[in-house]
Each structure stands twice: as structure tokens, then as C-alpha cells.
Amino acid sequence: MKSRGLIIGMTIIIIAVLAFFLFSRADYHGKIGDLTESKFILYPLEINPEYEHFTPKVHFTDNTEIVGKIKTSKSLIEGQEVKVWTEEIEGKIVAKKIKVMKDS
């Protein structure tokens, strides 16, 4: 009876850990390009000439959380590797969180 409870408990823990990693995954991962005051284009880390890459225009605001190597949106520069968590607002991709992984 104890081993059955242990198996059920371990199963629940494994499912919870997998769900956490699945739902905390970034929406986009790439490099910042064409940076303006409140938006940038996210380019892929590696470019395959035989593939048409999706390069989203990502908007950010004062409410966007910036983490990692920098702490403010004023410190964003072109070429930085970032992970971006987004939401769609009025047809625009708006960053909720930007994690700077590497500088250019």
C-alpha cells in the first residue's frame, strides 16, 4: 500500500515539474535588430538561406519586465540575444518580459 502511494506521489511531482517548464517557456528566442524607442524586430539566432524565417516586430513598454544582463529597456541594444514572453494587444506583439541572455 505504501509503494502505491509513493508511485502516485512521484507521478504527481513529475507532472507538476513538466507543467512548470512547459508553461514558463519563452514565446520567442532570437537577436534584437532594428531597435527603436519602443519596438524591435526579433531575428533568428542562425539564418538558413533555404528557409523563410518569421521575424516578429516586438513592442515593449515601461511595464515590460527586463531581466538578465540588464535591468532597463534603455539598455537594450541591437545584437543582444534575448528570450521574450509576449501577449497580443490590439494586433501587436507586446513583450511582458524580456530576458537578455548575451550581449552583442
PDB file of N, CA and C in Angstrom:
ATOM      1  N   MET A   1       0.814  -1.190   0.000  1.00  0.00           N
ATOM      2  CA  MET A   1       0.000   0.000   0.000  1.00  0.00           C
ATOM      3  C   MET A   1       0.865   1.264   0.000  1.00  0.00           C
ATOM      4  N   LYS A   2       1.988   1.244   0.737  1.00  0.00           N
ATOM      5  CA  LYS A   2       2.867   2.413   0.783  1.00  0.00           C
ATOM      6  C   LYS A   2       3.525   2.657  -0.568  1.00  0.00           C
ATOM      7  N   SER A   3       3.900   1.584  -1.262  1.00  0.00           N
ATOM      8  CA  SER A   3       4.567   1.757  -2.556  1.00  0.00           C
ATOM      9  C   SER A   3       3.610   2.358  -3.588  1.00  0.00           C
ATOM     10  N   ARG A   4       2.340   2.033  -3.493  1.00  0.00           N
ATOM     11  CA  ARG A   4       1.346   2.592  -4.404  1.00  0.00           C
ATOM     12  C   ARG A   4       1.225   4.102  -4.185  1.00  0.00           C
ATOM     13  N   GLY A   5       1.191   4.523  -2.937  1.00  0.00           N
ATOM     14  CA  GLY A   5       1.125   5.951  -2.600  1.00  0.00           C
ATOM     15  C   GLY A   5       2.376   6.681  -3.056  1.00  0.00           C
ATOM     16  N   LEU A   6       3.523   6.011  -2.923  1.00  0.00           N
ATOM     17  CA  LEU A   6       4.789   6.605  -3.358  1.00  0.00           C
ATOM     18  C   LEU A   6       4.802   6.805  -4.872  1.00  0.00           C
ATOM     19  N   ILE A   7       4.320   5.834  -5.601  1.00  0.00           N
ATOM     20  CA  ILE A   7       4.270   5.927  -7.060  1.00  0.00           C
ATOM     21  C   ILE A   7       3.330   7.058  -7.489  1.00  0.00           C
ATOM     22  N   ILE A   8       2.184   7.168  -6.864  1.00  0.00           N
ATOM     23  CA  ILE A   8       1.229   8.228  -7.184  1.00  0.00           C
ATOM     24  C   ILE A   8       1.830   9.595  -6.850  1.00  0.00           C
ATOM     25  N   GLY A   9       2.476   9.689  -5.704  1.00  0.00           N
ATOM     26  CA  GLY A   9       3.103  10.948  -5.300  1.00  0.00           C
ATOM     27  C   GLY A   9       4.202  11.371  -6.266  1.00  0.00           C
ATOM     28  N   MET A  10       5.053  10.435  -6.662  1.00  0.00           N
ATOM     29  CA  MET A  10       6.132  10.736  -7.600  1.00  0.00           C
ATOM     30  C   MET A  10       5.572  11.141  -8.970  1.00  0.00           C
ATOM     31  N   THR A  11       4.515  10.485  -9.396  1.00  0.00           N
ATOM     32  CA  THR A  11       3.875  10.826 -10.665  1.00  0.00           C
ATOM     33  C   THR A  11       3.349  12.252 -10.640  1.00  0.00           C
ATOM     34  N   ILE A  12       2.708  12.629  -9.558  1.00  0.00           N
ATOM     35  CA  ILE A  12       2.178  13.992  -9.422  1.00  0.00           C
ATOM     36  C   ILE A  12       3.314  15.010  -9.446  1.00  0.00           C
ATOM     37  N   ILE A  13       4.406  14.724  -8.764  1.00  0.00           N
ATOM     38  CA  ILE A  13       5.550  15.634  -8.739  1.00  0.00           C
ATOM     39  C   ILE A  13       6.155  15.782 -10.135  1.00  0.00           C
ATOM     40  N   ILE A  14       6.310  14.691 -10.853  1.00  0.00           N
ATOM     41  CA  ILE A  14       6.882  14.738 -12.203  1.00  0.00           C
ATOM     42  C   ILE A  14       5.977  15.544 -13.138  1.00  0.00           C
ATOM     43  N   ILE A  15       4.686  15.341 -13.067  1.00  0.00           N
ATOM     44  CA  ILE A  15       3.750  16.090 -13.911  1.00  0.00           C
ATOM     45  C   ILE A  15       3.805  17.579 -13.573  1.00  0.00           C
ATOM     46  N   ALA A  16       3.894  17.917 -12.294  1.00  0.00           N
ATOM     47  CA  ALA A  16       3.968  19.326 -11.888  1.00  0.00           C
ATOM     48  C   ALA A  16       5.241  19.990 -12.406  1.00  0.00           C
ATOM     49  N   VAL A  17       6.367  19.304 -12.316  1.00  0.00           N
ATOM     50  CA  VAL A  17       7.636  19.857 -12.808  1.00  0.00           C
ATOM     51  C   VAL A  17       7.587  20.039 -14.317  1.00  0.00           C
ATOM     52  N   LEU A  18       7.085  19.065 -15.051  1.00  0.00           N
ATOM     53  CA  LEU A  18       6.972  19.182 -16.502  1.00  0.00           C
ATOM     54  C   LEU A  18       6.032  20.322 -16.902  1.00  0.00           C
ATOM     55  N   ALA A  19       4.923  20.454 -16.201  1.00  0.00           N
ATOM     56  CA  ALA A  19       3.985  21.541 -16.495  1.00  0.00           C
ATOM     57  C   ALA A  19       4.625  22.896 -16.227  1.00  0.00           C
ATOM     58  N   PHE A  20       5.392  23.010 -15.144  1.00  0.00           N
ATOM     59  CA  PHE A  20       6.073  24.271 -14.837  1.00  0.00           C
ATOM     60  C   PHE A  20       7.016  24.662 -15.970  1.00  0.00           C
ATOM     61  N   PHE A  21       7.840  23.732 -16.440  1.00  0.00           N
ATOM     62  CA  PHE A  21       8.785  24.040 -17.506  1.00  0.00           C
ATOM     63  C   PHE A  21       8.080  24.315 -18.833  1.00  0.00           C
ATOM     64  N   LEU A  22       6.984  23.632 -19.087  1.00  0.00           N
ATOM     65  CA  LEU A  22       6.236  23.845 -20.319  1.00  0.00           C
ATOM     66  C   LEU A  22       5.618  25.238 -20.338  1.00  0.00           C
ATOM     67  N   PHE A  23       5.017  25.674 -19.239  1.00  0.00           N
ATOM     68  CA  PHE A  23       4.324  26.955 -19.200  1.00  0.00           C
ATOM     69  C   PHE A  23       5.251  28.135 -18.938  1.00  0.00           C
ATOM     70  N   SER A  24       6.478  27.914 -18.516  1.00  0.00           N
ATOM     71  CA  SER A  24       7.402  29.017 -18.275  1.00  0.00           C
ATOM     72  C   SER A  24       8.353  29.236 -19.454  1.00  0.00           C
ATOM     73  N   ARG A  25       8.137  28.510 -20.520  1.00  0.00           N
ATOM     74  CA  ARG A  25       8.973  28.622 -21.710  1.00  0.00           C
ATOM     75  C   ARG A  25       8.687  29.923 -22.457  1.00  0.00           C
ATOM     76  N   ALA A  26       9.732  30.562 -22.971  1.00  0.00           N
ATOM     77  CA  ALA A  26       9.579  31.824 -23.693  1.00  0.00           C
ATOM     78  C   ALA A  26       8.825  31.616 -25.004  1.00  0.00           C
ATOM     79  N   ASP A  27       8.128  32.661 -25.443  1.00  0.00           N
ATOM     80  CA  ASP A  27       7.416  32.607 -26.712  1.00  0.00           C
ATOM     81  C   ASP A  27       8.377  32.725 -27.891  1.00  0.00           C
ATOM     82  N   TYR A  28       9.428  33.545 -27.732  1.00  0.00           N
ATOM     83  CA  TYR A  28      10.393  33.782 -28.803  1.00  0.00           C
ATOM     84  C   TYR A  28      11.807  33.784 -28.238  1.00  0.00           C
ATOM     85  N   HIS A  29      12.768  33.456 -29.100  1.00  0.00           N
ATOM     86  CA  HIS A  29      14.195  33.459 -28.745  1.00  0.00           C
ATOM     87  C   HIS A  29      14.943  33.904 -29.991  1.00  0.00           C
ATOM     88  N   GLY A  30      15.741  34.956 -29.858  1.00  0.00           N
ATOM     89  CA  GLY A  30      16.462  35.440 -31.019  1.00  0.00           C
ATOM     90  C   GLY A  30      17.362  36.609 -30.677  1.00  0.00           C
ATOM     91  N   LYS A  31      17.688  37.402 -31.714  1.00  0.00           N
ATOM     92  CA  LYS A  31      18.558  38.574 -31.544  1.00  0.00           C
ATOM     93  C   LYS A  31      17.792  39.838 -31.902  1.00  0.00           C
ATOM     94  N   ILE A  32      18.052  40.892 -31.129  1.00  0.00           N
ATOM     95  CA  ILE A  32      17.411  42.181 -31.359  1.00  0.00           C
ATOM     96  C   ILE A  32      18.005  42.839 -32.604  1.00  0.00           C
ATOM     97  N   GLY A  33      17.120  43.382 -33.435  1.00  0.00           N
ATOM     98  CA  GLY A  33      17.542  44.141 -34.611  1.00  0.00           C
ATOM     99  C   GLY A  33      16.580  45.283 -34.863  1.00  0.00           C
ATOM    100  N   ASP A  34      16.988  46.280 -35.598  1.00  0.00           N
ATOM    101  CA  ASP A  34      16.147  47.430 -35.939  1.00  0.00           C
ATOM    102  C   ASP A  34      15.451  48.011 -34.707  1.00  0.00           C
ATOM    103  N   LEU A  35      16.212  48.251 -33.670  1.00  0.00           N
ATOM    104  CA  LEU A  35      15.688  48.741 -32.391  1.00  0.00           C
ATOM    105  C   LEU A  35      15.311  50.213 -32.476  1.00  0.00           C
ATOM    106  N   THR A  36      14.094  50.529 -32.041  1.00  0.00           N
ATOM    107  CA  THR A  36      13.656  51.914 -31.898  1.00  0.00           C
ATOM    108  C   THR A  36      13.313  52.137 -30.438  1.00  0.00           C
ATOM    109  N   GLU A  37      12.652  53.252 -30.153  1.00  0.00           N
ATOM    110  CA  GLU A  37      12.365  53.605 -28.769  1.00  0.00           C
ATOM    111  C   GLU A  37      11.435  52.620 -28.067  1.00  0.00           C
ATOM    112  N   SER A  38      10.520  51.996 -28.798  1.00  0.00           N
ATOM    113  CA  SER A  38       9.551  51.124 -28.139  1.00  0.00           C
ATOM    114  C   SER A  38       9.296  49.799 -28.864  1.00  0.00           C
ATOM    115  N   LYS A  39      10.152  49.437 -29.814  1.00  0.00           N
ATOM    116  CA  LYS A  39       9.960  48.161 -30.511  1.00  0.00           C
ATOM    117  C   LYS A  39      11.261  47.714 -31.155  1.00  0.00           C
ATOM    118  N   PHE A  40      11.309  46.435 -31.498  1.00  0.00           N
ATOM    119  CA  PHE A  40      12.437  45.878 -32.231  1.00  0.00           C
ATOM    120  C   PHE A  40      11.959  44.698 -33.050  1.00  0.00           C
ATOM    121  N   ILE A  41      12.762  44.318 -34.014  1.00  0.00           N
ATOM    122  CA  ILE A  41      12.482  43.113 -34.790  1.00  0.00           C
ATOM    123  C   ILE A  41      13.353  42.014 -34.213  1.00  0.00           C
ATOM    124  N   LEU A  42      12.761  40.863 -33.993  1.00  0.00           N
ATOM    125  CA  LEU A  42      13.493  39.734 -33.419  1.00  0.00           C
ATOM    126  C   LEU A  42      13.938  38.816 -34.556  1.00  0.00           C
ATOM    127  N   TYR A  43      15.234  38.757 -34.746  1.00  0.00           N
ATOM    128  CA  TYR A  43      15.821  37.928 -35.796  1.00  0.00           C
ATOM    129  C   TYR A  43      16.251  36.579 -35.225  1.00  0.00           C
ATOM    130  N   PRO A  44      16.240  35.528 -36.048  1.00  0.00           N
ATOM    131  CA  PRO A  44      16.676  34.208 -35.568  1.00  0.00           C
ATOM    132  C   PRO A  44      18.164  34.215 -35.224  1.00  0.00           C
ATOM    133  N   LEU A  45      18.562  33.312 -34.336  1.00  0.00           N
ATOM    134  CA  LEU A  45      19.968  33.197 -33.945  1.00  0.00           C
ATOM    135  C   LEU A  45      20.823  32.722 -35.107  1.00  0.00           C
ATOM    136  N   GLU A  46      20.303  31.804 -35.881  1.00  0.00           N
ATOM    137  CA  GLU A  46      21.012  31.285 -37.048  1.00  0.00           C
ATOM    138  C   GLU A  46      20.093  31.409 -38.255  1.00  0.00           C
ATOM    139  N   ILE A  47      20.649  31.821 -39.369  1.00  0.00           N
ATOM    140  CA  ILE A  47      19.844  32.018 -40.571  1.00  0.00           C
ATOM    141  C   ILE A  47      20.133  30.904 -41.574  1.00  0.00           C
ATOM    142  N   ASN A  48      19.084  30.242 -41.983  1.00  0.00           N
ATOM    143  CA  ASN A  48      19.159  29.211 -43.007  1.00  0.00           C
ATOM    144  C   ASN A  48      18.643  29.833 -44.303  1.00  0.00           C
ATOM    145  N   PRO A  49      19.483  29.977 -45.324  1.00  0.00           N
ATOM    146  CA  PRO A  49      19.055  30.653 -46.557  1.00  0.00           C
ATOM    147  C   PRO A  49      17.926  29.930 -47.300  1.00  0.00           C
ATOM    148  N   GLU A  50      17.698  28.674 -46.996  1.00  0.00           N
ATOM    149  CA  GLU A  50      16.653  27.917 -47.673  1.00  0.00           C
ATOM    150  C   GLU A  50      15.311  27.992 -46.942  1.00  0.00           C
ATOM    151  N   TYR A  51      15.247  28.735 -45.863  1.00  0.00           N
ATOM    152  CA  TYR A  51      14.049  28.795 -45.031  1.00  0.00           C
ATOM    153  C   TYR A  51      13.634  30.249 -44.849  1.00  0.00           C
ATOM    154  N   GLU A  52      12.353  30.536 -44.984  1.00  0.00           N
ATOM    155  CA  GLU A  52      11.856  31.891 -44.763  1.00  0.00           C
ATOM    156  C   GLU A  52      11.551  32.044 -43.273  1.00  0.00           C
ATOM    157  N   HIS A  53      12.346  32.816 -42.585  1.00  0.00           N
ATOM    158  CA  HIS A  53      12.228  32.964 -41.138  1.00  0.00           C
ATOM    159  C   HIS A  53      11.136  33.961 -40.768  1.00  0.00           C
ATOM    160  N   PHE A  54      10.453  33.690 -39.657  1.00  0.00           N
ATOM    161  CA  PHE A  54       9.479  34.610 -39.084  1.00  0.00           C
ATOM    162  C   PHE A  54      10.245  35.587 -38.211  1.00  0.00           C
ATOM    163  N   THR A  55      10.129  36.865 -38.488  1.00  0.00           N
ATOM    164  CA  THR A  55      10.825  37.893 -37.710  1.00  0.00           C
ATOM    165  C   THR A  55       9.779  38.842 -37.129  1.00  0.00           C
ATOM    166  N   PRO A  56       9.296  38.542 -35.933  1.00  0.00           N
ATOM    167  CA  PRO A  56       8.227  39.356 -35.356  1.00  0.00           C
ATOM    168  C   PRO A  56       8.713  40.739 -34.940  1.00  0.00           C
ATOM    169  N   LYS A  57       7.811  41.712 -35.059  1.00  0.00           N
ATOM    170  CA  LYS A  57       8.056  43.045 -34.540  1.00  0.00           C
ATOM    171  C   LYS A  57       7.525  43.036 -33.105  1.00  0.00           C
ATOM    172  N   VAL A  58       8.427  43.192 -32.143  1.00  0.00           N
ATOM    173  CA  VAL A  58       8.080  43.105 -30.728  1.00  0.00           C
ATOM    174  C   VAL A  58       8.043  44.508 -30.128  1.00  0.00           C
ATOM    175  N   HIS A  59       6.907  44.868 -29.556  1.00  0.00           N
ATOM    176  CA  HIS A  59       6.753  46.157 -28.891  1.00  0.00           C
ATOM    177  C   HIS A  59       7.012  45.962 -27.400  1.00  0.00           C
ATOM    178  N   PHE A  60       7.522  47.003 -26.745  1.00  0.00           N
ATOM    179  CA  PHE A  60       7.703  46.940 -25.298  1.00  0.00           C
ATOM    180  C   PHE A  60       7.319  48.282 -24.692  1.00  0.00           C
ATOM    181  N   THR A  61       6.976  48.243 -23.402  1.00  0.00           N
ATOM    182  CA  THR A  61       6.516  49.440 -22.699  1.00  0.00           C
ATOM    183  C   THR A  61       7.283  49.579 -21.393  1.00  0.00           C
ATOM    184  N   ASP A  62       6.906  50.587 -20.628  1.00  0.00           N
ATOM    185  CA  ASP A  62       7.505  50.756 -19.301  1.00  0.00           C
ATOM    186  C   ASP A  62       7.118  49.618 -18.360  1.00  0.00           C
ATOM    187  N   ASN A  63       6.028  48.919 -18.690  1.00  0.00           N
ATOM    188  CA  ASN A  63       5.572  47.803 -17.862  1.00  0.00           C
ATOM    189  C   ASN A  63       6.267  46.491 -18.199  1.00  0.00           C
ATOM    190  N   THR A  64       7.049  46.461 -19.279  1.00  0.00           N
ATOM    191  CA  THR A  64       7.756  45.248 -19.669  1.00  0.00           C
ATOM    192  C   THR A  64       8.862  44.966 -18.662  1.00  0.00           C
ATOM    193  N   GLU A  65       8.875  43.751 -18.135  1.00  0.00           N
ATOM    194  CA  GLU A  65       9.911  43.344 -17.177  1.00  0.00           C
ATOM    195  C   GLU A  65      11.178  42.975 -17.950  1.00  0.00           C
ATOM    196  N   ILE A  66      12.290  43.589 -17.579  1.00  0.00           N
ATOM    197  CA  ILE A  66      13.578  43.317 -18.213  1.00  0.00           C
ATOM    198  C   ILE A  66      14.454  42.605 -17.186  1.00  0.00           C
ATOM    199  N   VAL A  67      14.960  41.430 -17.526  1.00  0.00           N
ATOM    200  CA  VAL A  67      15.800  40.660 -16.603  1.00  0.00           C
ATOM    201  C   VAL A  67      17.042  40.163 -17.324  1.00  0.00           C
ATOM    202  N   GLY A  68      17.973  39.668 -16.551  1.00  0.00           N
ATOM    203  CA  GLY A  68      19.186  39.107 -17.138  1.00  0.00           C
ATOM    204  C   GLY A  68      20.357  40.048 -16.999  1.00  0.00           C
ATOM    205  N   LYS A  69      21.100  40.215 -18.077  1.00  0.00           N
ATOM    206  CA  LYS A  69      22.320  41.019 -18.063  1.00  0.00           C
ATOM    207  C   LYS A  69      22.055  42.507 -17.873  1.00  0.00           C
ATOM    208  N   ILE A  70      20.836  42.973 -18.172  1.00  0.00           N
ATOM    209  CA  ILE A  70      20.478  44.375 -17.980  1.00  0.00           C
ATOM    210  C   ILE A  70      19.160  44.457 -17.222  1.00  0.00           C
ATOM    211  N   LYS A  71      18.775  45.666 -16.798  1.00  0.00           N
ATOM    212  CA  LYS A  71      17.556  45.803 -15.999  1.00  0.00           C
ATOM    213  C   LYS A  71      16.561  46.814 -16.555  1.00  0.00           C
ATOM    214  N   THR A  72      16.930  47.591 -17.592  1.00  0.00           N
ATOM    215  CA  THR A  72      16.010  48.588 -18.145  1.00  0.00           C
ATOM    216  C   THR A  72      15.944  48.477 -19.662  1.00  0.00           C
ATOM    217  N   SER A  73      14.831  48.922 -20.231  1.00  0.00           N
ATOM    218  CA  SER A  73      14.666  48.880 -21.685  1.00  0.00           C
ATOM    219  C   SER A  73      15.619  49.855 -22.371  1.00  0.00           C
ATOM    220  N   LYS A  74      16.078  50.882 -21.668  1.00  0.00           N
ATOM    221  CA  LYS A  74      17.034  51.843 -22.234  1.00  0.00           C
ATOM    222  C   LYS A  74      18.378  51.175 -22.519  1.00  0.00           C
ATOM    223  N   SER A  75      18.664  50.048 -21.859  1.00  0.00           N
ATOM    224  CA  SER A  75      19.935  49.348 -22.031  1.00  0.00           C
ATOM    225  C   SER A  75      19.904  48.301 -23.144  1.00  0.00           C
ATOM    226  N   LEU A  76      18.741  48.121 -23.776  1.00  0.00           N
ATOM    227  CA  LEU A  76      18.653  47.172 -24.887  1.00  0.00           C
ATOM    228  C   LEU A  76      19.455  47.715 -26.062  1.00  0.00           C
ATOM    229  N   ILE A  77      20.221  46.842 -26.714  1.00  0.00           N
ATOM    230  CA  ILE A  77      20.976  47.235 -27.899  1.00  0.00           C
ATOM    231  C   ILE A  77      20.817  46.164 -28.979  1.00  0.00           C
ATOM    232  N   GLU A  78      21.015  46.565 -30.200  1.00  0.00           N
ATOM    233  CA  GLU A  78      20.912  45.625 -31.310  1.00  0.00           C
ATOM    234  C   GLU A  78      21.978  44.546 -31.188  1.00  0.00           C
ATOM    235  N   GLY A  79      21.598  43.332 -31.527  1.00  0.00           N
ATOM    236  CA  GLY A  79      22.519  42.205 -31.497  1.00  0.00           C
ATOM    237  C   GLY A  79      22.455  41.386 -30.219  1.00  0.00           C
ATOM    238  N   GLN A  80      21.759  41.887 -29.186  1.00  0.00           N
ATOM    239  CA  GLN A  80      21.661  41.105 -27.944  1.00  0.00           C
ATOM    240  C   GLN A  80      20.771  39.883 -28.164  1.00  0.00           C
ATOM    241  N   GLU A  81      21.184  38.770 -27.570  1.00  0.00           N
ATOM    242  CA  GLU A  81      20.370  37.554 -27.608  1.00  0.00           C
ATOM    243  C   GLU A  81      19.354  37.643 -26.482  1.00  0.00           C
ATOM    244  N   VAL A  82      18.073  37.459 -26.809  1.00  0.00           N
ATOM    245  CA  VAL A  82      17.014  37.599 -25.817  1.00  0.00           C
ATOM    246  C   VAL A  82      15.993  36.470 -25.932  1.00  0.00           C
ATOM    247  N   LYS A  83      15.311  36.230 -24.827  1.00  0.00           N
ATOM    248  CA  LYS A  83      14.112  35.406 -24.797  1.00  0.00           C
ATOM    249  C   LYS A  83      12.979  36.348 -24.446  1.00  0.00           C
ATOM    250  N   VAL A  84      11.824  36.178 -25.115  1.00  0.00           N
ATOM    251  CA  VAL A  84      10.728  37.120 -24.955  1.00  0.00           C
ATOM    252  C   VAL A  84       9.421  36.377 -24.674  1.00  0.00           C
ATOM    253  N   TRP A  85       8.732  36.816 -23.626  1.00  0.00           N
ATOM    254  CA  TRP A  85       7.398  36.333 -23.294  1.00  0.00           C
ATOM    255  C   TRP A  85       6.439  37.434 -23.724  1.00  0.00           C
ATOM    256  N   THR A  86       5.402  37.092 -24.483  1.00  0.00           N
ATOM    257  CA  THR A  86       4.553  38.113 -25.096  1.00  0.00           C
ATOM    258  C   THR A  86       3.069  37.888 -24.846  1.00  0.00           C
ATOM    259  N   GLU A  87       2.317  38.926 -25.220  1.00  0.00           N
ATOM    260  CA  GLU A  87       0.868  38.834 -25.319  1.00  0.00           C
ATOM    261  C   GLU A  87       0.462  39.688 -26.510  1.00  0.00           C
ATOM    262  N   GLU A  88      -0.668  39.378 -27.109  1.00  0.00           N
ATOM    263  CA  GLU A  88      -1.131  40.163 -28.248  1.00  0.00           C
ATOM    264  C   GLU A  88      -2.124  41.200 -27.753  1.00  0.00           C
ATOM    265  N   ILE A  89      -1.840  42.468 -28.061  1.00  0.00           N
ATOM    266  CA  ILE A  89      -2.712  43.569 -27.669  1.00  0.00           C
ATOM    267  C   ILE A  89      -2.993  44.401 -28.920  1.00  0.00           C
ATOM    268  N   GLU A  90      -4.268  44.487 -29.289  1.00  0.00           N
ATOM    269  CA  GLU A  90      -4.704  45.247 -30.456  1.00  0.00           C
ATOM    270  C   GLU A  90      -3.919  44.863 -31.717  1.00  0.00           C
ATOM    271  N   GLY A  91      -3.672  43.584 -31.892  1.00  0.00           N
ATOM    272  CA  GLY A  91      -2.991  43.079 -33.068  1.00  0.00           C
ATOM    273  C   GLY A  91      -1.478  43.225 -33.046  1.00  0.00           C
ATOM    274  N   LYS A  92      -0.914  43.717 -31.939  1.00  0.00           N
ATOM    275  CA  LYS A  92       0.533  43.883 -31.820  1.00  0.00           C
ATOM    276  C   LYS A  92       1.094  42.849 -30.861  1.00  0.00           C
ATOM    277  N   ILE A  93       2.325  42.418 -31.122  1.00  0.00           N
ATOM    278  CA  ILE A  93       3.030  41.530 -30.203  1.00  0.00           C
ATOM    279  C   ILE A  93       3.720  42.418 -29.175  1.00  0.00           C
ATOM    280  N   VAL A  94       3.274  42.331 -27.921  1.00  0.00           N
ATOM    281  CA  VAL A  94       3.803  43.175 -26.850  1.00  0.00           C
ATOM    282  C   VAL A  94       4.520  42.294 -25.831  1.00  0.00           C
ATOM    283  N   ALA A  95       5.746  42.670 -25.506  1.00  0.00           N
ATOM    284  CA  ALA A  95       6.553  41.888 -24.572  1.00  0.00           C
ATOM    285  C   ALA A  95       6.090  42.124 -23.139  1.00  0.00           C
ATOM    286  N   LYS A  96       5.809  41.035 -22.431  1.00  0.00           N
ATOM    287  CA  LYS A  96       5.556  41.117 -20.994  1.00  0.00           C
ATOM    288  C   LYS A  96       6.881  41.051 -20.252  1.00  0.00           C
ATOM    289  N   LYS A  97       7.798  40.229 -20.790  1.00  0.00           N
ATOM    290  CA  LYS A  97       9.106  40.015 -20.146  1.00  0.00           C
ATOM    291  C   LYS A  97      10.152  39.802 -21.223  1.00  0.00           C
ATOM    292  N   ILE A  98      11.311  40.426 -21.035  1.00  0.00           N
ATOM    293  CA  ILE A  98      12.451  40.236 -21.925  1.00  0.00           C
ATOM    294  C   ILE A  98      13.631  39.816 -21.066  1.00  0.00           C
ATOM    295  N   LYS A  99      14.194  38.671 -21.382  1.00  0.00           N
ATOM    296  CA  LYS A  99      15.381  38.195 -20.654  1.00  0.00           C
ATOM    297  C   LYS A  99      16.583  38.287 -21.592  1.00  0.00           C
ATOM    298  N   VAL A 100      17.543  39.125 -21.229  1.00  0.00           N
ATOM    299  CA  VAL A 100      18.733  39.298 -22.036  1.00  0.00           C
ATOM    300  C   VAL A 100      19.715  38.183 -21.681  1.00  0.00           C
ATOM    301  N   MET A 101      20.037  37.358 -22.687  1.00  0.00           N
ATOM    302  CA  MET A 101      20.905  36.212 -22.479  1.00  0.00           C
ATOM    303  C   MET A 101      22.372  36.571 -22.694  1.00  0.00           C
ATOM    304  N   LYS A 102      22.648  37.275 -23.809  1.00  0.00           N
ATOM    305  CA  LYS A 102      24.026  37.629 -24.174  1.00  0.00           C
ATOM    306  C   LYS A 102      24.026  38.997 -24.818  1.00  0.00           C
ATOM    307  N   ASP A 103      25.123  39.726 -24.599  1.00  0.00           N
ATOM    308  CA  ASP A 103      25.309  40.994 -25.307  1.00  0.00           C
ATOM    309  C   ASP A 103      25.786  40.710 -26.718  1.00  0.00           C
ATOM    310  N   SER A 104      25.689  41.718 -27.549  1.00  0.00           N
ATOM    311  CA  SER A 104      26.080  41.565 -28.950  1.00  0.00           C
ATOM    312  C   SER A 104      27.574  41.356 -29.104  1.00  0.00           C
TER     313      SER A 104
END
